[in-house]
Protein backbone atom coordinates (compact mmCIF):
# COMPACT_ATOMS: atom_id res chain seq x y z
CA MET A 1 -60.75 89.58 -40.14
CA GLN A 2 -60.67 90.10 -36.37
CA ILE A 3 -59.34 92.70 -33.91
CA ILE A 4 -57.49 92.63 -30.59
CA PHE A 5 -58.29 95.77 -28.61
CA GLN A 6 -55.94 98.00 -26.63
CA ASP A 7 -57.73 97.84 -23.27
CA PRO A 8 -58.07 94.21 -22.17
CA TYR A 9 -60.68 95.09 -19.55
CA SER A 10 -63.18 97.51 -21.11
CA SER A 11 -63.27 95.41 -24.30
CA LEU A 12 -64.68 92.42 -22.36
CA ASN A 13 -68.31 92.27 -21.21
CA PRO A 14 -68.22 92.06 -17.37
CA ARG A 15 -71.62 90.31 -17.31
CA MET A 16 -70.48 87.39 -19.44
CA THR A 17 -68.25 84.47 -18.55
CA VAL A 18 -65.04 83.94 -20.47
CA GLY A 19 -66.59 81.00 -22.32
CA GLU A 20 -69.54 83.14 -23.41
CA ILE A 21 -67.24 86.01 -24.51
CA ILE A 22 -65.03 83.81 -26.67
CA GLY A 23 -67.89 81.78 -28.14
CA GLU A 24 -70.28 84.70 -28.72
CA ALA A 25 -69.35 85.27 -32.36
CA LEU A 26 -69.53 81.56 -33.14
CA VAL A 27 -73.09 81.47 -31.80
CA ASP A 28 -74.26 84.75 -33.34
CA HIS A 29 -73.03 83.88 -36.83
CA GLY A 30 -74.00 80.21 -36.62
CA LEU A 31 -70.54 79.10 -37.70
CA VAL A 32 -70.68 75.85 -35.73
CA SER A 33 -73.36 73.83 -33.98
CA LYS A 34 -74.11 74.51 -30.32
CA ASP A 35 -72.44 71.23 -29.36
CA GLU A 36 -69.19 72.32 -31.04
CA VAL A 37 -69.01 75.79 -29.49
CA LYS A 38 -67.54 74.63 -26.19
CA ASP A 39 -64.90 72.50 -27.91
CA ARG A 40 -63.82 75.42 -30.12
CA VAL A 41 -63.70 77.75 -27.12
CA LEU A 42 -61.59 75.30 -25.09
CA GLU A 43 -59.23 74.83 -28.01
CA ALA A 44 -58.75 78.59 -28.44
CA ILE A 45 -58.29 79.28 -24.73
CA GLU A 46 -55.68 76.55 -24.31
CA MET A 47 -53.70 77.84 -27.33
CA CYS A 48 -53.56 81.22 -25.58
CA GLY A 49 -52.12 79.81 -22.37
CA LEU A 50 -55.23 79.67 -20.18
CA ALA A 51 -56.77 76.71 -18.34
CA PRO A 52 -60.05 75.01 -19.33
CA TYR A 53 -61.73 75.92 -16.02
CA HIS A 54 -61.26 79.62 -16.81
CA ILE A 55 -64.26 79.52 -19.15
CA ARG A 56 -66.59 79.67 -16.11
CA ARG A 57 -64.99 82.80 -14.66
CA TYR A 58 -65.67 86.50 -15.29
CA PRO A 59 -63.22 89.12 -16.64
CA HIS A 60 -62.71 90.87 -13.27
CA GLU A 61 -61.19 87.67 -11.88
CA PHE A 62 -58.17 87.87 -14.19
CA SER A 63 -55.01 89.96 -14.40
CA GLY A 64 -54.38 92.35 -17.29
CA GLY A 65 -52.20 89.86 -19.14
CA GLN A 66 -54.76 87.08 -18.73
CA ARG A 67 -57.55 89.36 -19.96
CA GLN A 68 -55.54 90.16 -23.06
CA ARG A 69 -55.11 86.43 -23.66
CA ILE A 70 -58.90 86.16 -23.52
CA GLY A 71 -59.13 88.91 -26.14
CA ILE A 72 -56.65 87.03 -28.34
CA ALA A 73 -58.61 83.78 -27.94
CA ARG A 74 -61.82 85.60 -28.91
CA ALA A 75 -60.15 86.72 -32.15
CA LEU A 76 -58.51 83.35 -32.75
CA VAL A 77 -61.66 81.21 -32.35
CA LEU A 78 -63.03 82.41 -35.72
CA ASN A 79 -59.93 81.23 -37.64
CA PRO A 80 -59.19 84.67 -39.16
CA LYS A 81 -56.70 85.30 -41.93
CA PHE A 82 -56.04 88.89 -40.83
CA ILE A 83 -55.94 90.34 -37.29
CA VAL A 84 -55.73 94.02 -36.37
CA CYS A 85 -53.75 94.44 -33.14
CA ASP A 86 -54.67 97.90 -31.79
CA GLU A 87 -51.82 98.57 -29.34
CA PRO A 88 -52.44 95.21 -27.64
CA VAL A 89 -49.59 95.54 -25.12
CA SER A 90 -49.59 99.27 -24.27
CA ALA A 91 -51.84 98.78 -21.20
CA LEU A 92 -49.72 95.93 -19.80
CA ASP A 93 -46.64 95.78 -17.57
CA VAL A 94 -43.33 95.41 -19.40
CA SER A 95 -42.81 91.88 -18.08
CA ILE A 96 -46.23 90.85 -19.41
CA GLN A 97 -45.75 92.66 -22.72
CA SER A 98 -43.01 90.26 -23.80
CA GLN A 99 -45.22 87.25 -23.00
CA ILE A 100 -48.09 88.58 -25.12
CA VAL A 101 -45.81 89.54 -28.02
CA ASN A 102 -44.18 86.10 -27.97
CA LEU A 103 -47.63 84.50 -27.91
CA LEU A 104 -48.68 86.52 -30.97
CA CYS A 105 -45.51 85.49 -32.82
CA ASP A 106 -46.01 81.81 -31.95
CA LEU A 107 -49.64 81.88 -33.10
CA GLN A 108 -48.66 83.55 -36.37
CA GLN A 109 -46.05 80.89 -37.08
CA LYS A 110 -48.56 78.14 -36.29
CA PHE A 111 -51.56 79.43 -38.27
CA GLY A 112 -49.96 81.71 -40.86
CA PHE A 113 -52.32 84.70 -40.50
CA SER A 114 -51.26 88.33 -40.92
CA TYR A 115 -51.19 91.11 -38.32
CA MET A 116 -51.63 94.82 -38.66
CA PHE A 117 -49.81 95.76 -35.46
CA ILE A 118 -50.50 99.33 -34.32
CA SER A 119 -48.14 100.67 -31.66
CA HIS A 120 -46.11 103.65 -30.44
CA ASP A 121 -43.44 101.35 -28.99
CA LEU A 122 -40.83 101.05 -31.72
CA SER A 123 -38.96 98.29 -29.87
CA VAL A 124 -42.06 96.09 -29.92
CA VAL A 125 -42.71 96.99 -33.57
CA LYS A 126 -39.20 95.94 -34.51
CA HIS A 127 -39.60 92.61 -32.73
CA ILE A 128 -42.94 91.56 -34.23
CA SER A 129 -43.17 93.24 -37.65
CA HIS A 130 -41.82 92.37 -41.10
CA ARG A 131 -42.78 95.63 -42.80
CA VAL A 132 -43.23 98.94 -40.98
CA GLY A 133 -45.34 101.93 -41.93
CA VAL A 134 -44.82 105.26 -40.14
CA MET A 135 -47.82 107.59 -39.85
CA TYR A 136 -48.03 111.29 -39.08
CA LEU A 137 -51.41 113.03 -38.60
CA GLY A 138 -53.19 110.08 -40.18
CA SER A 139 -51.00 109.94 -43.31
CA LEU A 140 -48.44 107.28 -44.19
CA VAL A 141 -45.06 109.02 -44.52
CA GLU A 142 -42.76 106.00 -44.89
CA LEU A 143 -43.18 102.29 -45.63
CA ALA A 144 -40.29 99.85 -45.78
CA ASP A 145 -38.93 96.48 -44.76
CA LYS A 146 -38.23 96.36 -41.03
CA HIS A 147 -34.46 96.01 -41.35
CA GLU A 148 -34.19 98.70 -44.01
CA LEU A 149 -36.31 101.20 -42.09
CA TYR A 150 -34.42 100.82 -38.82
CA LYS A 151 -31.04 100.82 -40.58
CA ASN A 152 -31.67 103.65 -43.05
CA PRO A 153 -34.76 105.77 -42.29
CA LEU A 154 -35.48 108.35 -44.99
CA HIS A 155 -38.28 110.56 -43.70
CA PRO A 156 -37.27 113.18 -41.07
CA TYR A 157 -40.19 112.16 -38.84
CA THR A 158 -39.02 108.52 -38.88
CA LYS A 159 -35.49 109.66 -38.04
CA ALA A 160 -36.79 111.67 -35.08
CA LEU A 161 -38.84 108.72 -33.78
CA LEU A 162 -35.93 106.29 -33.99
CA SER A 163 -33.60 108.75 -32.30
CA ALA A 164 -35.83 108.60 -29.21
CA VAL A 165 -35.57 104.80 -28.83
CA PRO A 166 -33.38 103.98 -25.78
CA ILE A 167 -30.20 101.98 -26.39
CA PRO A 168 -29.70 99.15 -23.83
CA ASP A 169 -26.02 100.04 -23.42
CA PRO A 170 -24.98 102.89 -21.09
CA THR A 171 -21.69 103.34 -22.96
CA LEU A 172 -23.43 104.23 -26.23
CA LYS A 173 -25.14 107.51 -26.99
CA ARG A 174 -27.48 108.35 -29.84
CA GLU A 175 -27.90 111.82 -31.26
CA ARG A 176 -31.40 112.88 -30.28
CA ILE A 177 -33.42 114.76 -32.90
CA ILE A 178 -35.73 117.28 -31.22
CA LEU A 179 -38.52 118.45 -33.50
CA GLN A 180 -39.44 122.12 -33.31
CA GLY A 181 -42.97 123.52 -33.31
CA ASP A 182 -46.34 122.15 -32.26
CA ILE A 183 -48.30 119.31 -33.82
CA PRO A 184 -50.99 120.76 -36.13
CA SER A 185 -54.64 120.03 -35.52
CA PRO A 186 -55.76 116.79 -37.25
CA ALA A 187 -59.09 118.51 -37.92
CA ASN A 188 -57.33 121.27 -39.85
CA PRO A 189 -54.03 119.85 -41.16
CA PRO A 190 -51.60 122.03 -43.13
CA SER A 191 -51.62 121.91 -46.92
CA GLY A 192 -49.14 119.78 -48.83
CA CYS A 193 -46.94 117.56 -46.69
CA LYS A 194 -48.51 117.56 -43.22
CA PHE A 195 -45.06 117.44 -41.64
CA HIS A 196 -43.69 120.56 -43.32
CA THR A 197 -44.52 122.82 -40.34
CA ARG A 198 -41.98 120.88 -38.23
CA CYS A 199 -39.63 119.60 -40.92
CA PRO A 200 -35.94 120.47 -40.32
CA TYR A 201 -35.23 120.22 -44.08
CA LYS A 202 -37.82 122.89 -44.81
CA ARG A 203 -36.30 125.16 -42.17
CA ILE A 204 -32.89 124.82 -43.85
CA TYR A 205 -34.45 125.53 -47.26
CA VAL A 206 -36.28 128.62 -46.01
CA HIS A 207 -33.14 129.89 -44.27
CA ARG A 208 -31.02 129.51 -47.43
CA LYS A 209 -33.71 131.09 -49.59
CA TYR A 210 -33.92 134.05 -47.20
CA GLN A 211 -30.13 134.46 -47.31
CA SER A 212 -30.14 134.44 -51.13
CA LEU A 213 -32.83 137.13 -51.20
CA GLU A 214 -30.75 139.32 -48.89
CA MET A 215 -27.75 139.00 -51.22
């Protein structure tokens, strides 16, 4: 198991060359001989779209997209079966985001490993994921196949999130769901369903119950 971090700069040691960063885990864990480390590093860096001579450079000499490719190569060099992607494109420009997402998809098809892709960008999630889990205050509120979740969301929080996704067609309009109330403190979450303090279904239930009591 490996991880790709959100910030492609602070997650790289500025005192180490790219070759040392990518090969560090191989050396520390003794997974290959010292003679094989360079070959494994070069193989990983070329699969991520960087040149062999980049192994002698330092992180500050690269752009944000290139630094994230270094982070991907560092994860890839250990031949993982499972990779956690912690918002790997949120710190990048939109034009670079698509390149990194496409790279992740190509690598997955080639090597067959699994991703846990964490993101707030639902458009990116839809592009890269097969199954989607929606979380609220640290709890999983909905889990479904990608197509089913985007076509027929069931939880009110999922519906509100999807209603905020822009539609790339100025002639179409989507009904925006605006949630009422403030987000509770994660340190002191409400009892029962953590979403009930903002849930529109609960508000309707309480309103009807109040009306019945008045009658």
